[in-house]
Protein backbone atom coordinates (compact mmCIF):
# COMPACT_ATOMS: atom_id res chain seq x y z
CA UNK A 1 115.16 107.69 114.58
CA UNK A 2 118.85 106.59 114.33
CA UNK A 3 119.20 103.35 111.93
CA UNK A 4 115.60 103.72 110.27
CA UNK A 5 115.33 104.92 106.58
CA UNK A 6 114.81 108.50 106.21
CA UNK A 7 111.59 110.03 105.57
CA UNK A 8 110.66 111.33 102.03
CA UNK A 9 112.32 114.80 101.75
CA UNK A 10 114.33 114.19 105.07
CA UNK A 11 111.95 115.41 107.53
CA UNK A 12 108.83 113.72 108.78
CA UNK A 13 105.95 116.28 108.57
CA UNK A 14 103.80 116.78 111.30
CA UNK A 15 100.73 119.57 110.74
CA UNK A 16 98.87 118.48 113.93
CA UNK A 17 98.28 121.71 116.50
CA UNK A 18 100.08 121.07 120.16
CA UNK A 19 97.61 121.28 122.78
CA UNK A 20 98.37 124.59 123.74
CA UNK A 21 97.29 126.06 120.23
CA UNK A 22 94.28 123.78 119.74
CA UNK A 23 91.65 125.74 121.64
CA UNK A 24 92.84 129.24 119.92
CA UNK A 25 92.58 128.03 116.79
CA UNK A 26 89.08 126.37 117.42
CA UNK A 27 88.10 129.50 117.95
CA UNK A 28 89.52 131.18 115.32
CA UNK A 29 88.36 128.27 113.00
CA UNK A 30 84.56 129.51 114.06
CA UNK A 31 84.94 132.79 112.28
CA UNK A 32 86.29 131.29 109.08
CA UNK A 33 84.70 130.35 105.71
CA UNK A 34 84.08 126.71 105.67
CA UNK A 35 84.64 124.15 103.53
CA UNK A 36 83.16 120.60 103.74
CA UNK A 37 85.33 117.83 102.70
CA UNK A 38 84.47 114.42 101.41
CA UNK A 39 85.89 111.16 102.71
CA UNK A 40 88.48 111.22 99.95
CA UNK A 41 89.80 114.80 101.07
CA UNK A 42 89.23 113.75 104.74
CA UNK A 43 92.07 110.54 104.59
CA UNK A 44 94.31 112.94 102.52
CA UNK A 45 93.79 115.57 105.07
CA UNK A 46 94.68 113.25 107.92
CA UNK A 47 97.44 111.61 106.27
CA UNK A 48 98.86 115.15 105.36
CA UNK A 49 99.17 116.01 108.95
CA UNK A 50 100.52 112.95 110.40
CA UNK A 51 103.42 113.04 107.99
CA UNK A 52 102.41 110.11 105.74
CA UNK A 53 102.19 112.40 102.53
CA UNK A 54 105.46 113.87 103.65
CA UNK A 55 107.17 116.21 102.26
CA UNK A 56 103.77 117.37 101.42
CA UNK A 57 102.69 120.05 104.26
CA UNK A 58 99.01 120.50 103.01
CA UNK A 59 97.12 120.34 99.96
CA UNK A 60 99.15 121.30 96.81
CA UNK A 61 99.52 124.40 95.33
CA UNK A 62 99.64 124.88 91.31
CA UNK A 63 103.46 124.18 90.80
CA UNK A 64 103.49 121.09 92.68
CA UNK A 65 100.30 120.03 90.65
CA UNK A 66 101.29 120.42 87.37
CA UNK A 67 104.91 119.57 88.31
CA UNK A 68 103.59 116.16 89.53
CA UNK A 69 101.45 115.20 86.14
CA UNK A 70 104.42 116.65 84.07
CA UNK A 71 107.41 114.84 85.56
CA UNK A 72 106.34 112.75 88.24
CA UNK A 73 108.19 114.84 90.84
CA UNK A 74 107.35 118.07 93.12
CA UNK A 75 108.52 121.48 91.86
CA UNK A 76 111.69 120.65 94.19
CA UNK A 77 112.60 117.82 91.95
CA UNK A 78 111.49 115.03 94.30
CA UNK A 79 109.74 112.10 93.10
CA UNK A 80 106.27 112.05 93.29
CA UNK A 81 103.21 110.84 91.29
CA UNK A 82 99.64 111.53 92.58
CA UNK A 83 98.37 114.79 93.22
CA UNK A 84 96.95 115.68 96.39
CA UNK A 85 94.62 118.29 96.06
CA UNK A 86 91.90 119.81 97.40
CA UNK A 87 88.48 121.13 94.87
CA UNK A 88 85.66 123.63 95.22
CA UNK A 89 82.99 124.70 92.86
CA UNK A 90 83.29 127.75 90.77
CA UNK A 91 80.81 129.28 93.16
CA UNK A 92 82.59 128.13 96.20
CA UNK A 93 85.86 129.71 95.02
CA UNK A 94 84.40 133.42 94.38
CA UNK A 95 83.94 133.85 98.13
CA UNK A 96 87.38 132.84 99.09
CA UNK A 97 90.45 135.01 98.80
CA UNK A 98 94.31 134.30 98.78
CA UNK A 99 95.84 134.45 101.56
CA UNK A 100 92.93 134.24 103.89
CA UNK A 101 92.21 130.89 106.04
CA UNK A 102 89.85 128.70 105.45
CA UNK A 103 88.31 126.12 107.70
CA UNK A 104 87.90 122.46 107.22
CA UNK A 105 84.97 120.48 108.19
CA UNK A 106 83.33 116.87 107.89
CA UNK A 107 79.86 115.62 106.67
CA UNK A 108 78.35 116.63 110.20
CA UNK A 109 80.19 120.41 110.27
CA UNK A 110 82.61 119.50 112.95
CA UNK A 111 85.84 121.13 112.58
CA UNK A 112 89.09 119.25 111.26
CA UNK A 113 91.54 121.91 110.29
CA UNK A 114 92.41 125.10 109.01
CA UNK A 115 93.79 125.66 105.72
CA UNK A 116 96.16 128.40 105.20
CA UNK A 117 95.12 129.47 101.28
CA UNK A 118 97.89 130.24 99.50
CA UNK A 119 96.31 129.66 96.03
CA UNK A 120 93.15 129.02 93.87
CA UNK A 121 93.73 127.69 90.82
CA UNK A 122 92.09 125.79 87.79
CA UNK A 123 91.83 122.30 87.86
CA UNK A 124 92.97 120.63 84.80
CA UNK A 125 90.75 117.40 85.02
CA UNK A 126 91.66 116.54 81.26
CA UNK A 127 95.74 116.54 81.75
CA UNK A 128 94.78 114.96 85.04
CA UNK A 129 93.10 112.10 84.04
CA UNK A 130 95.64 111.43 80.98
CA UNK A 131 98.60 112.07 82.91
CA UNK A 132 97.88 110.21 86.07
CA UNK A 133 94.99 107.43 85.06
CA UNK A 134 96.71 106.93 81.32
CA UNK A 135 92.56 107.49 80.08
CA UNK A 136 89.53 110.00 80.03
CA UNK A 137 87.11 106.79 80.21
CA UNK A 138 84.81 107.35 83.06
CA UNK A 139 84.42 103.72 83.62
CA UNK A 140 87.78 104.15 85.54
CA UNK A 141 87.32 104.78 88.87
CA UNK A 142 89.90 107.11 89.64
CA UNK A 143 89.22 109.14 86.50
CA UNK A 144 85.45 109.09 87.47
CA UNK A 145 86.72 110.78 90.83
CA UNK A 146 88.27 113.48 89.23
CA UNK A 147 85.71 114.50 86.63
CA UNK A 148 82.91 114.63 90.09
CA UNK A 149 85.40 117.01 91.56
CA UNK A 150 85.33 120.94 91.74
CA UNK A 151 86.78 123.10 88.92
CA UNK A 152 88.69 124.82 91.19
CA UNK A 153 91.67 123.94 93.63
CA UNK A 154 92.92 125.09 96.71
CA UNK A 155 96.26 125.07 97.57
CA UNK A 156 98.41 125.68 100.89
CA UNK A 157 99.46 124.35 104.13
CA UNK A 158 96.94 122.47 106.61
CA UNK A 159 97.09 122.61 110.38
CA UNK A 160 94.87 119.97 112.08
CA UNK A 161 92.57 120.43 114.65
CA UNK A 162 90.86 117.54 115.08
CA UNK A 163 91.46 114.03 113.95
CA UNK A 164 88.43 112.47 111.79
CA UNK A 165 86.48 110.01 114.22
CA UNK A 166 87.32 106.47 113.56
CA UNK A 167 85.09 104.03 114.88
CA UNK A 168 86.94 100.91 113.50
CA UNK A 169 90.60 99.20 113.93
CA UNK A 170 91.51 101.76 116.87
CA UNK A 171 94.44 99.13 117.93
CA UNK A 172 95.79 99.14 114.30
CA UNK A 173 95.73 102.94 113.36
CA UNK A 174 99.50 103.68 114.06
CA UNK A 175 100.91 107.48 112.53
CA UNK A 176 104.31 106.92 110.80
CA UNK A 177 105.90 108.23 113.91
CA UNK A 178 104.87 105.30 116.07
CA UNK A 179 105.44 102.88 113.61
CA UNK A 180 109.10 104.09 113.30
CA UNK A 181 109.06 103.85 117.20
CA UNK A 182 107.43 100.33 116.76
CA UNK A 183 110.41 99.30 114.56
CA UNK A 184 112.91 100.96 116.42
CA UNK A 185 111.86 99.00 119.60
CA UNK A 186 111.70 95.54 117.59
CA UNK A 187 115.38 96.34 116.51
CA UNK A 188 113.92 96.33 112.82
CA UNK A 189 116.13 97.98 110.15
CA UNK A 190 114.92 96.46 107.36
CA UNK A 191 111.10 96.12 107.24
CA UNK A 192 108.89 95.25 104.09
CA UNK A 193 105.27 96.68 103.48
CA UNK A 194 102.69 95.03 102.29
CA UNK A 195 99.84 97.17 100.19
CA UNK A 196 96.64 95.55 99.76
CA UNK A 197 93.06 96.10 99.31
CA UNK A 198 91.80 92.49 99.05
CA UNK A 199 91.92 89.30 101.81
CA UNK A 200 95.57 87.50 101.68
CA UNK A 201 95.26 84.63 99.55
CA UNK A 202 98.16 82.07 99.16
CA UNK A 203 99.53 84.00 96.45
CA UNK A 204 100.36 87.10 98.86
CA UNK A 205 101.21 85.06 101.39
CA UNK A 206 103.95 83.03 99.40
CA UNK A 207 105.00 86.11 98.15
CA UNK A 208 105.11 88.21 101.34
CA UNK A 209 107.47 85.15 103.20
CA UNK A 210 109.59 85.26 100.71
CA UNK A 211 110.11 88.78 101.04
CA UNK A 212 110.23 88.09 105.06
CA UNK A 213 113.13 85.90 104.23
CA UNK A 214 115.41 88.88 103.11
CA UNK A 215 114.41 91.41 105.88
CA UNK A 216 114.05 91.91 109.95
CA UNK A 217 110.34 92.26 109.80
CA UNK A 218 107.12 92.82 107.63
CA UNK A 219 104.59 95.32 107.76
CA UNK A 220 100.95 94.37 106.38
CA UNK A 221 99.52 97.50 105.55
CA UNK A 222 96.09 97.23 104.10
CA UNK A 223 94.16 100.08 102.89
CA UNK A 224 90.78 100.85 105.04
CA UNK A 225 89.98 104.72 103.44
CA UNK A 226 87.89 104.49 100.15
CA UNK A 227 87.68 102.06 97.75
CA UNK A 228 84.95 100.86 94.55
CA UNK A 229 81.30 99.76 95.58
CA UNK A 230 82.62 96.26 94.96
CA UNK A 231 85.64 95.67 97.08
CA UNK A 232 85.59 93.71 100.02
CA UNK A 233 84.75 95.75 102.57
CA UNK A 234 87.53 96.33 105.11
CA UNK A 235 86.14 95.21 108.30
CA UNK A 236 86.24 91.67 106.67
CA UNK A 237 89.38 91.82 105.07
CA UNK A 238 90.83 92.87 108.64
CA UNK A 239 89.36 89.58 109.86
CA UNK A 240 91.20 87.70 107.23
CA UNK A 241 94.63 89.32 108.00
CA UNK A 242 94.17 89.15 111.73
CA UNK A 243 93.27 85.10 111.34
CA UNK A 244 96.08 84.29 109.12
CA UNK A 245 98.62 86.14 111.08
CA UNK A 246 97.57 84.68 114.18
CA UNK A 247 98.14 81.05 112.76
CA UNK A 248 100.37 81.30 109.50
CA UNK A 249 102.91 83.84 110.30
CA UNK A 250 105.67 84.64 112.93
CA UNK A 251 103.57 86.84 115.71
CA UNK A 252 107.55 88.26 116.51
CA UNK A 253 107.92 89.42 112.77
CA UNK A 254 104.75 91.00 111.54
CA UNK A 255 102.82 94.08 112.32
CA UNK A 256 99.42 94.66 111.03
CA UNK A 257 98.67 98.50 110.69
CA UNK A 258 95.96 100.16 108.68
CA UNK A 259 96.50 103.13 106.24
CA UNK A 260 93.37 105.49 106.06
CA UNK A 261 94.32 106.01 102.38
CA UNK A 262 91.50 105.87 99.50
CA UNK A 263 92.29 104.20 96.54
CA UNK A 264 93.08 105.94 93.52
CA UNK A 265 93.33 102.89 91.39
CA UNK A 266 95.85 104.51 89.31
CA UNK A 267 98.36 101.26 88.61
CA UNK A 268 101.85 102.38 88.28
CA UNK A 269 101.84 105.91 89.18
CA UNK A 270 100.09 104.67 92.25
CA UNK A 271 102.80 101.94 93.02
CA UNK A 272 105.39 104.69 93.26
CA UNK A 273 103.13 106.64 95.56
CA UNK A 274 102.38 103.91 97.79
CA UNK A 275 106.24 103.19 97.74
CA UNK A 276 106.72 106.58 99.03
CA UNK A 277 104.12 106.69 101.77
CA UNK A 278 105.79 103.01 103.26
CA UNK A 279 109.00 104.98 103.07
CA UNK A 280 107.41 107.57 105.20
CA UNK A 281 105.73 104.46 107.85
CA UNK A 282 109.54 103.52 108.22
CA UNK A 283 109.59 100.63 106.08
CA UNK A 284 112.99 100.23 103.79
CA UNK A 285 111.68 97.73 100.99
CA UNK A 286 108.07 97.36 99.40
CA UNK A 287 106.51 94.81 97.71
CA UNK A 288 105.14 95.41 94.11
CA UNK A 289 103.15 92.47 92.31
CA UNK A 290 101.56 92.08 89.34
CA UNK A 291 98.85 94.80 88.13
CA UNK A 292 99.77 96.78 91.60
CA UNK A 293 96.83 99.13 92.27
CA UNK A 294 94.94 98.47 88.76
CA UNK A 295 91.72 98.23 87.27
CA UNK A 296 89.87 96.73 84.61
CA UNK A 297 92.50 96.43 81.95
CA UNK A 298 94.03 99.89 82.04
CA UNK A 299 97.42 98.72 82.82
CA UNK A 300 100.12 96.27 81.62
CA UNK A 301 100.35 93.34 84.46
CA UNK A 302 104.01 94.54 85.15
CA UNK A 303 103.93 98.49 84.14
CA UNK A 304 103.80 99.27 87.75
CA UNK A 305 107.62 97.31 87.96
CA UNK A 306 108.76 99.36 85.00
CA UNK A 307 107.84 102.70 86.10
CA UNK A 308 110.26 102.21 89.30
CA UNK A 309 113.00 102.19 85.90
CA UNK A 310 112.36 105.61 85.37
CA UNK A 311 113.46 106.98 88.65
CA UNK A 312 116.83 107.41 90.21
CA UNK A 313 116.57 104.39 93.05
CA UNK A 314 118.51 106.86 95.38
CA UNK A 315 115.95 109.86 95.10
CA UNK A 316 113.25 107.28 95.79
CA UNK A 317 114.73 105.69 98.61
CA UNK A 318 112.92 102.59 99.11
CA UNK A 319 113.97 99.38 97.37
CA UNK A 320 110.83 97.52 95.63
CA UNK A 321 110.91 93.88 95.35
CA UNK A 322 109.17 92.87 92.43
CA UNK A 323 107.18 89.87 92.11
CA UNK A 324 105.40 87.92 89.05
CA UNK A 325 102.42 86.00 89.22
CA UNK A 326 102.57 83.25 91.63
CA UNK A 327 100.19 80.21 92.30
CA UNK A 328 100.37 76.29 93.29
CA UNK A 329 101.66 73.99 91.19
CA UNK A 330 100.80 70.37 91.49
CA UNK A 331 104.59 69.28 89.52
CA UNK A 332 106.48 71.61 92.20
CA UNK A 333 104.32 70.68 94.72
CA UNK A 334 104.23 73.72 96.14
CA UNK A 335 103.81 77.66 95.34
CA UNK A 336 105.90 79.00 92.71
CA UNK A 337 106.00 81.45 90.09
CA UNK A 338 106.66 81.87 86.41
CA UNK A 339 110.11 83.13 87.41
CA UNK A 340 110.55 79.55 88.98
CA UNK A 341 108.29 77.10 87.51
CA UNK A 342 109.09 75.22 84.59
CA UNK A 343 105.97 73.41 84.32
CA UNK A 344 102.70 73.86 81.91
CA UNK A 345 99.63 76.38 83.20
CA UNK A 346 97.64 73.28 83.47
CA UNK A 347 99.30 71.99 86.38
CA UNK A 348 98.61 75.37 88.02
CA UNK A 349 96.16 75.82 90.34
CA UNK A 350 94.69 79.44 89.40
CA UNK A 351 91.29 80.77 89.57
CA UNK A 352 89.86 83.68 88.47
CA UNK A 353 88.25 86.36 91.09
CA UNK A 354 84.60 85.72 89.09
CA UNK A 355 85.22 81.81 89.85
CA UNK A 356 86.27 82.45 93.29
CA UNK A 357 83.38 84.74 94.19
CA UNK A 358 80.80 81.96 92.53
CA UNK A 359 82.39 79.24 95.12
CA UNK A 360 82.28 81.75 97.78
CA UNK A 361 78.54 82.88 97.68
CA UNK A 362 77.79 79.36 97.21
CA UNK A 363 79.23 78.17 100.48
CA UNK A 364 81.98 76.45 98.74
CA UNK A 365 85.70 76.48 100.09
CA UNK A 366 88.08 77.44 96.88
CA UNK A 367 91.14 74.78 97.22
CA UNK A 368 93.26 74.91 100.08
CA UNK A 369 95.97 75.68 97.34
CA UNK A 370 94.34 78.82 96.52
CA UNK A 371 93.18 80.21 99.89
CA UNK A 372 93.27 78.87 103.25
CA UNK A 373 90.23 77.10 104.78
CA UNK A 374 89.74 79.97 107.61
CA UNK A 375 90.02 82.48 105.29
CA UNK A 376 87.48 80.83 103.09
CA UNK A 377 84.70 80.55 106.15
CA UNK A 378 85.16 84.30 106.79
CA UNK A 379 84.58 85.59 103.33
CA UNK A 380 81.55 82.68 102.76
CA UNK A 381 79.89 84.11 105.76
CA UNK A 382 80.45 87.88 104.58
CA UNK A 383 78.96 87.08 101.36
CA UNK A 384 75.72 84.97 102.90
CA UNK A 385 75.49 88.20 105.02
CA UNK A 386 75.40 90.34 102.09
CA UNK A 387 72.72 88.08 100.43
CA UNK A 388 70.12 88.13 103.39
CA UNK A 389 70.53 91.97 104.16
């Protein structure tokens, strides 16, 4: 890995069972107590195992859980802002014992991993809601998830036996070790990561290309795990990314890789979390836009920028690139931001999400200054499909 950024904590975690021990572990798992994981827990399990959540080697124990909330660091002092936990009900917890392994299965009972159970401890839901999300309002999707979880948390290292089954995007599913190898092969030493859960419109494209001017390569890294019900499906978003890259980006300087993570919608805390994940994938820089990972009006537009000031840049390791609100300005004759454009907002082509959805549902393309026509056509077709389904 010479020349690449070090993973968070200095070592890329690998908690995947090797081929020699897999059969023995599978047989052992059959005799263990079983815990069924939901979609978010499965994605967290996989990301722990492949090193995307390095230095975590399992679901958090009590000290790391509370340290993350109290100090935005793990108990060893490394920056970390989002609890990665596994919950069970009180009834399930009674049947478990610290020091005894547990089998983790998916919704169909398929063995995924063994949890080497170290601790069973109380889930402080109210504290987690306040410290991570800044609210206890159940209308916040992240807070709602927290309060739907069990009252007990299980902490301990994991050993992944079988990868979760993924029917979609197989060619784009690269683990951190694989993206690092790809960057090394391409000779990229400075790589910028872009987090997205939405189709890329012209403002996003402008931000990415501005960043690309200063680095060797760009990794567009969309989340394809669990999102809100009203977010655009990952399959539709991926078609948009493919078309955009094919027609408007330099093919030798951009890679598209999916991130099988669940959105938390934790705003500034999730901006740090997303940056550290991209560091593990080998990115040296990370784009932080307006209202990163936000939802509703819970966070200020640039809170995700300000939170980086609370950390030692060397401890974070990855370099954030902060971008203001961007738009097409008629007077400038191109894309700009409030940092670069002197003209009145009446000269800016800016549409609300509600207005864009209305246009797309009625079969109308938004202005080309707002979104590429090819992307608009994909979204119009998808929305027509929703209307007839």
